[in-house]
Amino acid sequence: MSATEPARHDVATFGDVVKPADDYRAGRAVVVHIDADQSTGRRIVDFFSGLAYGTNGSLEKAAERVYLVTPPDLVP
């Protein structure tokens, strides 16, 4: 995987957000596939939304249960 290619993570529990969040904080775009129940999935989306907002990045829904989290230095 190249440095410009987004990291891909399956997230099934709230505890699974650490590795994709670390990749994002390291400056990589992250594709997050949420494989959780509705309540947990909403918490996960809220977490990544806050992470992106708090760092001037972006969060985009790419498909059902799939989100792209982009750090600020990669946002056009």
PDB file of N, CA and C in Angstrom:
ATOM      1  N   MET A   1       0.847  -1.166   0.000  1.00  0.00           N
ATOM      2  CA  MET A   1       0.000   0.000   0.000  1.00  0.00           C
ATOM      3  C   MET A   1       0.900   1.239   0.000  1.00  0.00           C
ATOM      4  N   SER A   2       0.627   2.174  -0.901  1.00  0.00           N
ATOM      5  CA  SER A   2       1.447   3.376  -0.976  1.00  0.00           C
ATOM      6  C   SER A   2       0.996   4.399   0.063  1.00  0.00           C
ATOM      7  N   ALA A   3       1.840   5.384   0.307  1.00  0.00           N
ATOM      8  CA  ALA A   3       1.535   6.407   1.308  1.00  0.00           C
ATOM      9  C   ALA A   3       0.356   7.276   0.885  1.00  0.00           C
ATOM     10  N   THR A   4       0.082   7.371  -0.415  1.00  0.00           N
ATOM     11  CA  THR A   4      -1.031   8.195  -0.885  1.00  0.00           C
ATOM     12  C   THR A   4      -2.329   7.413  -0.983  1.00  0.00           C
ATOM     13  N   GLU A   5      -2.249   6.113  -0.882  1.00  0.00           N
ATOM     14  CA  GLU A   5      -3.440   5.262  -0.932  1.00  0.00           C
ATOM     15  C   GLU A   5      -4.106   5.262   0.443  1.00  0.00           C
ATOM     16  N   PRO A   6      -5.441   5.419   0.483  1.00  0.00           N
ATOM     17  CA  PRO A   6      -6.111   5.425   1.792  1.00  0.00           C
ATOM     18  C   PRO A   6      -5.935   4.103   2.537  1.00  0.00           C
ATOM     19  N   ALA A   7      -5.791   4.191   3.845  1.00  0.00           N
ATOM     20  CA  ALA A   7      -5.775   2.991   4.679  1.00  0.00           C
ATOM     21  C   ALA A   7      -7.214   2.483   4.758  1.00  0.00           C
ATOM     22  N   ARG A   8      -7.393   1.187   4.805  1.00  0.00           N
ATOM     23  CA  ARG A   8      -8.736   0.601   4.870  1.00  0.00           C
ATOM     24  C   ARG A   8      -8.886  -0.159   6.172  1.00  0.00           C
ATOM     25  N   HIS A   9     -10.015   0.101   6.848  1.00  0.00           N
ATOM     26  CA  HIS A   9     -10.247  -0.541   8.142  1.00  0.00           C
ATOM     27  C   HIS A   9     -11.698  -0.983   8.268  1.00  0.00           C
ATOM     28  N   ASP A  10     -11.893  -2.187   8.775  1.00  0.00           N
ATOM     29  CA  ASP A  10     -13.218  -2.658   9.181  1.00  0.00           C
ATOM     30  C   ASP A  10     -13.358  -2.351  10.660  1.00  0.00           C
ATOM     31  N   VAL A  11     -14.456  -1.705  11.020  1.00  0.00           N
ATOM     32  CA  VAL A  11     -14.676  -1.302  12.410  1.00  0.00           C
ATOM     33  C   VAL A  11     -15.984  -1.927  12.878  1.00  0.00           C
ATOM     34  N   ALA A  12     -15.887  -2.831  13.863  1.00  0.00           N
ATOM     35  CA  ALA A  12     -17.076  -3.534  14.354  1.00  0.00           C
ATOM     36  C   ALA A  12     -17.470  -3.093  15.764  1.00  0.00           C
ATOM     37  N   THR A  13     -16.514  -2.563  16.520  1.00  0.00           N
ATOM     38  CA  THR A  13     -16.792  -2.099  17.876  1.00  0.00           C
ATOM     39  C   THR A  13     -16.186  -0.711  18.050  1.00  0.00           C
ATOM     40  N   PHE A  14     -16.642  -0.001  19.070  1.00  0.00           N
ATOM     41  CA  PHE A  14     -16.095   1.321  19.306  1.00  0.00           C
ATOM     42  C   PHE A  14     -14.601   1.245  19.611  1.00  0.00           C
ATOM     43  N   GLY A  15     -14.147   0.164  20.174  1.00  0.00           N
ATOM     44  CA  GLY A  15     -12.725  -0.014  20.459  1.00  0.00           C
ATOM     45  C   GLY A  15     -11.872  -0.143  19.211  1.00  0.00           C
ATOM     46  N   ASP A  16     -12.501  -0.460  18.083  1.00  0.00           N
ATOM     47  CA  ASP A  16     -11.765  -0.620  16.827  1.00  0.00           C
ATOM     48  C   ASP A  16     -11.398   0.703  16.161  1.00  0.00           C
ATOM     49  N   VAL A  17     -11.811   1.840  16.719  1.00  0.00           N
ATOM     50  CA  VAL A  17     -11.548   3.130  16.071  1.00  0.00           C
ATOM     51  C   VAL A  17     -10.100   3.596  16.244  1.00  0.00           C
ATOM     52  N   VAL A  18      -9.351   2.991  17.142  1.00  0.00           N
ATOM     53  CA  VAL A  18      -8.005   3.479  17.461  1.00  0.00           C
ATOM     54  C   VAL A  18      -7.064   3.411  16.263  1.00  0.00           C
ATOM     55  N   LYS A  19      -6.963   2.278  15.606  1.00  0.00           N
ATOM     56  CA  LYS A  19      -6.010   2.131  14.485  1.00  0.00           C
ATOM     57  C   LYS A  19      -6.357   3.069  13.330  1.00  0.00           C
ATOM     58  N   PRO A  20      -7.627   3.138  12.874  1.00  0.00           N
ATOM     59  CA  PRO A  20      -7.908   4.104  11.798  1.00  0.00           C
ATOM     60  C   PRO A  20      -7.688   5.554  12.244  1.00  0.00           C
ATOM     61  N   ALA A  21      -7.984   5.869  13.489  1.00  0.00           N
ATOM     62  CA  ALA A  21      -7.748   7.230  13.989  1.00  0.00           C
ATOM     63  C   ALA A  21      -6.252   7.535  14.007  1.00  0.00           C
ATOM     64  N   ASP A  22      -5.435   6.568  14.400  1.00  0.00           N
ATOM     65  CA  ASP A  22      -3.981   6.761  14.391  1.00  0.00           C
ATOM     66  C   ASP A  22      -3.465   6.985  12.968  1.00  0.00           C
ATOM     67  N   ASP A  23      -3.982   6.216  12.003  1.00  0.00           N
ATOM     68  CA  ASP A  23      -3.593   6.414  10.599  1.00  0.00           C
ATOM     69  C   ASP A  23      -3.977   7.811  10.134  1.00  0.00           C
ATOM     70  N   TYR A  24      -5.178   8.254  10.476  1.00  0.00           N
ATOM     71  CA  TYR A  24      -5.633   9.600  10.120  1.00  0.00           C
ATOM     72  C   TYR A  24      -4.718  10.655  10.738  1.00  0.00           C
ATOM     73  N   ARG A  25      -4.411  10.515  12.024  1.00  0.00           N
ATOM     74  CA  ARG A  25      -3.553  11.486  12.711  1.00  0.00           C
ATOM     75  C   ARG A  25      -2.143  11.509  12.131  1.00  0.00           C
ATOM     76  N   ALA A  26      -1.727  10.397  11.500  1.00  0.00           N
ATOM     77  CA  ALA A  26      -0.412  10.331  10.851  1.00  0.00           C
ATOM     78  C   ALA A  26      -0.443  10.962   9.456  1.00  0.00           C
ATOM     79  N   GLY A  27      -1.609  11.465   9.036  1.00  0.00           N
ATOM     80  CA  GLY A  27      -1.703  12.162   7.757  1.00  0.00           C
ATOM     81  C   GLY A  27      -2.233  11.346   6.604  1.00  0.00           C
ATOM     82  N   ARG A  28      -2.754  10.158   6.880  1.00  0.00           N
ATOM     83  CA  ARG A  28      -3.293   9.302   5.808  1.00  0.00           C
ATOM     84  C   ARG A  28      -4.801   9.421   5.754  1.00  0.00           C
ATOM     85  N   ALA A  29      -5.331   9.395   4.543  1.00  0.00           N
ATOM     86  CA  ALA A  29      -6.776   9.271   4.381  1.00  0.00           C
ATOM     87  C   ALA A  29      -7.155   7.851   4.815  1.00  0.00           C
ATOM     88  N   VAL A  30      -8.364   7.689   5.322  1.00  0.00           N
ATOM     89  CA  VAL A  30      -8.792   6.402   5.859  1.00  0.00           C
ATOM     90  C   VAL A  30     -10.182   6.069   5.324  1.00  0.00           C
ATOM     91  N   VAL A  31     -10.334   4.864   4.809  1.00  0.00           N
ATOM     92  CA  VAL A  31     -11.641   4.332   4.440  1.00  0.00           C
ATOM     93  C   VAL A  31     -12.085   3.434   5.584  1.00  0.00           C
ATOM     94  N   VAL A  32     -13.243   3.753   6.156  1.00  0.00           N
ATOM     95  CA  VAL A  32     -13.762   3.005   7.297  1.00  0.00           C
ATOM     96  C   VAL A  32     -15.029   2.275   6.877  1.00  0.00           C
ATOM     97  N   HIS A  33     -15.010   0.951   6.994  1.00  0.00           N
ATOM     98  CA  HIS A  33     -16.202   0.141   6.759  1.00  0.00           C
ATOM     99  C   HIS A  33     -16.768  -0.226   8.121  1.00  0.00           C
ATOM    100  N   ILE A  34     -17.985   0.220   8.382  1.00  0.00           N
ATOM    101  CA  ILE A  34     -18.596  -0.010   9.687  1.00  0.00           C
ATOM    102  C   ILE A  34     -19.428  -1.283   9.647  1.00  0.00           C
ATOM    103  N   ASP A  35     -19.015  -2.256  10.436  1.00  0.00           N
ATOM    104  CA  ASP A  35     -19.698  -3.542  10.527  1.00  0.00           C
ATOM    105  C   ASP A  35     -20.190  -3.707  11.969  1.00  0.00           C
ATOM    106  N   ALA A  36     -21.137  -2.844  12.349  1.00  0.00           N
ATOM    107  CA  ALA A  36     -21.621  -2.821  13.733  1.00  0.00           C
ATOM    108  C   ALA A  36     -23.132  -2.626  13.725  1.00  0.00           C
ATOM    109  N   ASP A  37     -23.757  -2.855  14.887  1.00  0.00           N
ATOM    110  CA  ASP A  37     -25.191  -2.593  14.991  1.00  0.00           C
ATOM    111  C   ASP A  37     -25.428  -1.088  14.827  1.00  0.00           C
ATOM    112  N   GLN A  38     -26.689  -0.696  14.666  1.00  0.00           N
ATOM    113  CA  GLN A  38     -27.022   0.687  14.357  1.00  0.00           C
ATOM    114  C   GLN A  38     -26.538   1.666  15.431  1.00  0.00           C
ATOM    115  N   SER A  39     -26.737   1.336  16.687  1.00  0.00           N
ATOM    116  CA  SER A  39     -26.343   2.222  17.781  1.00  0.00           C
ATOM    117  C   SER A  39     -24.834   2.421  17.820  1.00  0.00           C
ATOM    118  N   THR A  40     -24.090   1.337  17.753  1.00  0.00           N
ATOM    119  CA  THR A  40     -22.629   1.424  17.766  1.00  0.00           C
ATOM    120  C   THR A  40     -22.128   2.106  16.502  1.00  0.00           C
ATOM    121  N   GLY A  41     -22.742   1.792  15.387  1.00  0.00           N
ATOM    122  CA  GLY A  41     -22.364   2.433  14.122  1.00  0.00           C
ATOM    123  C   GLY A  41     -22.522   3.937  14.180  1.00  0.00           C
ATOM    124  N   ARG A  42     -23.587   4.405  14.792  1.00  0.00           N
ATOM    125  CA  ARG A  42     -23.805   5.845  14.935  1.00  0.00           C
ATOM    126  C   ARG A  42     -22.711   6.471  15.812  1.00  0.00           C
ATOM    127  N   ARG A  43     -22.343   5.804  16.884  1.00  0.00           N
ATOM    128  CA  ARG A  43     -21.263   6.308  17.750  1.00  0.00           C
ATOM    129  C   ARG A  43     -19.939   6.383  16.986  1.00  0.00           C
ATOM    130  N   ILE A  44     -19.674   5.385  16.151  1.00  0.00           N
ATOM    131  CA  ILE A  44     -18.437   5.358  15.371  1.00  0.00           C
ATOM    132  C   ILE A  44     -18.419   6.512  14.374  1.00  0.00           C
ATOM    133  N   VAL A  45     -19.528   6.725  13.682  1.00  0.00           N
ATOM    134  CA  VAL A  45     -19.615   7.850  12.738  1.00  0.00           C
ATOM    135  C   VAL A  45     -19.448   9.174  13.478  1.00  0.00           C
ATOM    136  N   ASP A  46     -20.093   9.310  14.628  1.00  0.00           N
ATOM    137  CA  ASP A  46     -19.953  10.530  15.429  1.00  0.00           C
ATOM    138  C   ASP A  46     -18.494  10.761  15.825  1.00  0.00           C
ATOM    139  N   PHE A  47     -17.795   9.693  16.190  1.00  0.00           N
ATOM    140  CA  PHE A  47     -16.387   9.817  16.572  1.00  0.00           C
ATOM    141  C   PHE A  47     -15.561  10.348  15.406  1.00  0.00           C
ATOM    142  N   PHE A  48     -15.699   9.723  14.232  1.00  0.00           N
ATOM    143  CA  PHE A  48     -14.907  10.152  13.082  1.00  0.00           C
ATOM    144  C   PHE A  48     -15.325  11.532  12.592  1.00  0.00           C
ATOM    145  N   SER A  49     -16.587  11.859  12.736  1.00  0.00           N
ATOM    146  CA  SER A  49     -17.054  13.194  12.391  1.00  0.00           C
ATOM    147  C   SER A  49     -16.382  14.234  13.280  1.00  0.00           C
ATOM    148  N   GLY A  50     -16.322  13.968  14.572  1.00  0.00           N
ATOM    149  CA  GLY A  50     -15.658  14.873  15.500  1.00  0.00           C
ATOM    150  C   GLY A  50     -14.165  14.969  15.249  1.00  0.00           C
ATOM    151  N   LEU A  51     -13.547  13.833  14.938  1.00  0.00           N
ATOM    152  CA  LEU A  51     -12.116  13.822  14.633  1.00  0.00           C
ATOM    153  C   LEU A  51     -11.833  14.691  13.413  1.00  0.00           C
ATOM    154  N   ALA A  52     -12.612  14.514  12.358  1.00  0.00           N
ATOM    155  CA  ALA A  52     -12.414  15.296  11.137  1.00  0.00           C
ATOM    156  C   ALA A  52     -12.688  16.781  11.386  1.00  0.00           C
ATOM    157  N   TYR A  53     -13.782  17.090  12.055  1.00  0.00           N
ATOM    158  CA  TYR A  53     -14.132  18.489  12.311  1.00  0.00           C
ATOM    159  C   TYR A  53     -13.084  19.176  13.185  1.00  0.00           C
ATOM    160  N   GLY A  54     -12.651  18.493  14.209  1.00  0.00           N
ATOM    161  CA  GLY A  54     -11.700  19.074  15.144  1.00  0.00           C
ATOM    162  C   GLY A  54     -10.319  19.329  14.558  1.00  0.00           C
ATOM    163  N   THR A  55     -10.030  18.715  13.423  1.00  0.00           N
ATOM    164  CA  THR A  55      -8.724  18.887  12.792  1.00  0.00           C
ATOM    165  C   THR A  55      -8.828  19.549  11.416  1.00  0.00           C
ATOM    166  N   ASN A  56     -10.022  20.068  11.087  1.00  0.00           N
ATOM    167  CA  ASN A  56     -10.294  20.696   9.788  1.00  0.00           C
ATOM    168  C   ASN A  56     -10.166  19.725   8.623  1.00  0.00           C
ATOM    169  N   GLY A  57     -10.394  18.441   8.894  1.00  0.00           N
ATOM    170  CA  GLY A  57     -10.406  17.437   7.844  1.00  0.00           C
ATOM    171  C   GLY A  57     -11.814  17.298   7.294  1.00  0.00           C
ATOM    172  N   SER A  58     -12.084  16.165   6.656  1.00  0.00           N
ATOM    173  CA  SER A  58     -13.434  15.941   6.140  1.00  0.00           C
ATOM    174  C   SER A  58     -13.849  14.488   6.335  1.00  0.00           C
ATOM    175  N   LEU A  59     -15.161  14.307   6.408  1.00  0.00           N
ATOM    176  CA  LEU A  59     -15.762  12.978   6.500  1.00  0.00           C
ATOM    177  C   LEU A  59     -16.813  12.909   5.405  1.00  0.00           C
ATOM    178  N   GLU A  60     -16.700  11.915   4.536  1.00  0.00           N
ATOM    179  CA  GLU A  60     -17.652  11.751   3.444  1.00  0.00           C
ATOM    180  C   GLU A  60     -18.187  10.328   3.443  1.00  0.00           C
ATOM    181  N   LYS A  61     -19.480  10.194   3.217  1.00  0.00           N
ATOM    182  CA  LYS A  61     -20.064   8.871   3.073  1.00  0.00           C
ATOM    183  C   LYS A  61     -19.787   8.407   1.653  1.00  0.00           C
ATOM    184  N   ALA A  62     -19.095   7.287   1.514  1.00  0.00           N
ATOM    185  CA  ALA A  62     -18.725   6.764   0.205  1.00  0.00           C
ATOM    186  C   ALA A  62     -19.737   5.740  -0.298  1.00  0.00           C
ATOM    187  N   ALA A  63     -20.333   5.003   0.621  1.00  0.00           N
ATOM    188  CA  ALA A  63     -21.328   3.980   0.302  1.00  0.00           C
ATOM    189  C   ALA A  63     -22.036   3.633   1.609  1.00  0.00           C
ATOM    190  N   GLU A  64     -22.993   2.742   1.534  1.00  0.00           N
ATOM    191  CA  GLU A  64     -23.685   2.317   2.746  1.00  0.00           C
ATOM    192  C   GLU A  64     -22.667   1.721   3.719  1.00  0.00           C
ATOM    193  N   ARG A  65     -22.554   2.335   4.902  1.00  0.00           N
ATOM    194  CA  ARG A  65     -21.650   1.890   5.968  1.00  0.00           C
ATOM    195  C   ARG A  65     -20.165   2.044   5.642  1.00  0.00           C
ATOM    196  N   VAL A  66     -19.843   2.853   4.633  1.00  0.00           N
ATOM    197  CA  VAL A  66     -18.447   3.091   4.253  1.00  0.00           C
ATOM    198  C   VAL A  66     -18.207   4.602   4.205  1.00  0.00           C
ATOM    199  N   TYR A  67     -17.161   5.047   4.917  1.00  0.00           N
ATOM    200  CA  TYR A  67     -16.859   6.476   5.021  1.00  0.00           C
ATOM    201  C   TYR A  67     -15.396   6.723   4.693  1.00  0.00           C
ATOM    202  N   LEU A  68     -15.142   7.887   4.088  1.00  0.00           N
ATOM    203  CA  LEU A  68     -13.779   8.330   3.813  1.00  0.00           C
ATOM    204  C   LEU A  68     -13.476   9.487   4.753  1.00  0.00           C
ATOM    205  N   VAL A  69     -12.420   9.328   5.550  1.00  0.00           N
ATOM    206  CA  VAL A  69     -11.993  10.375   6.480  1.00  0.00           C
ATOM    207  C   VAL A  69     -10.671  10.911   5.939  1.00  0.00           C
ATOM    208  N   THR A  70     -10.668  12.204   5.612  1.00  0.00           N
ATOM    209  CA  THR A  70      -9.511  12.809   4.960  1.00  0.00           C
ATOM    210  C   THR A  70      -8.892  13.890   5.840  1.00  0.00           C
ATOM    211  N   PRO A  71      -7.588  13.799   6.124  1.00  0.00           N
ATOM    212  CA  PRO A  71      -6.936  14.826   6.944  1.00  0.00           C
ATOM    213  C   PRO A  71      -6.855  16.162   6.194  1.00  0.00           C
ATOM    214  N   PRO A  72      -6.682  17.259   6.936  1.00  0.00           N
ATOM    215  CA  PRO A  72      -6.740  18.590   6.329  1.00  0.00           C
ATOM    216  C   PRO A  72      -5.729  18.847   5.217  1.00  0.00           C
ATOM    217  N   ASP A  73      -4.549  18.265   5.321  1.00  0.00           N
ATOM    218  CA  ASP A  73      -3.543  18.514   4.267  1.00  0.00           C
ATOM    219  C   ASP A  73      -3.862  17.802   2.956  1.00  0.00           C
ATOM    220  N   LEU A  74      -4.868  16.924   2.945  1.00  0.00           N
ATOM    221  CA  LEU A  74      -5.288  16.238   1.726  1.00  0.00           C
ATOM    222  C   LEU A  74      -6.641  16.721   1.209  1.00  0.00           C
ATOM    223  N   VAL A  75      -7.297  17.607   1.969  1.00  0.00           N
ATOM    224  CA  VAL A  75      -8.605  18.138   1.568  1.00  0.00           C
ATOM    225  C   VAL A  75      -8.364  19.214   0.512  1.00  0.00           C
ATOM    226  N   PRO A  76      -9.059  19.095  -0.642  1.00  0.00           N
ATOM    227  CA  PRO A  76      -8.848  20.099  -1.704  1.00  0.00           C
ATOM    228  C   PRO A  76      -9.377  21.473  -1.310  1.00  0.00           C
TER     229      PRO A  76
END
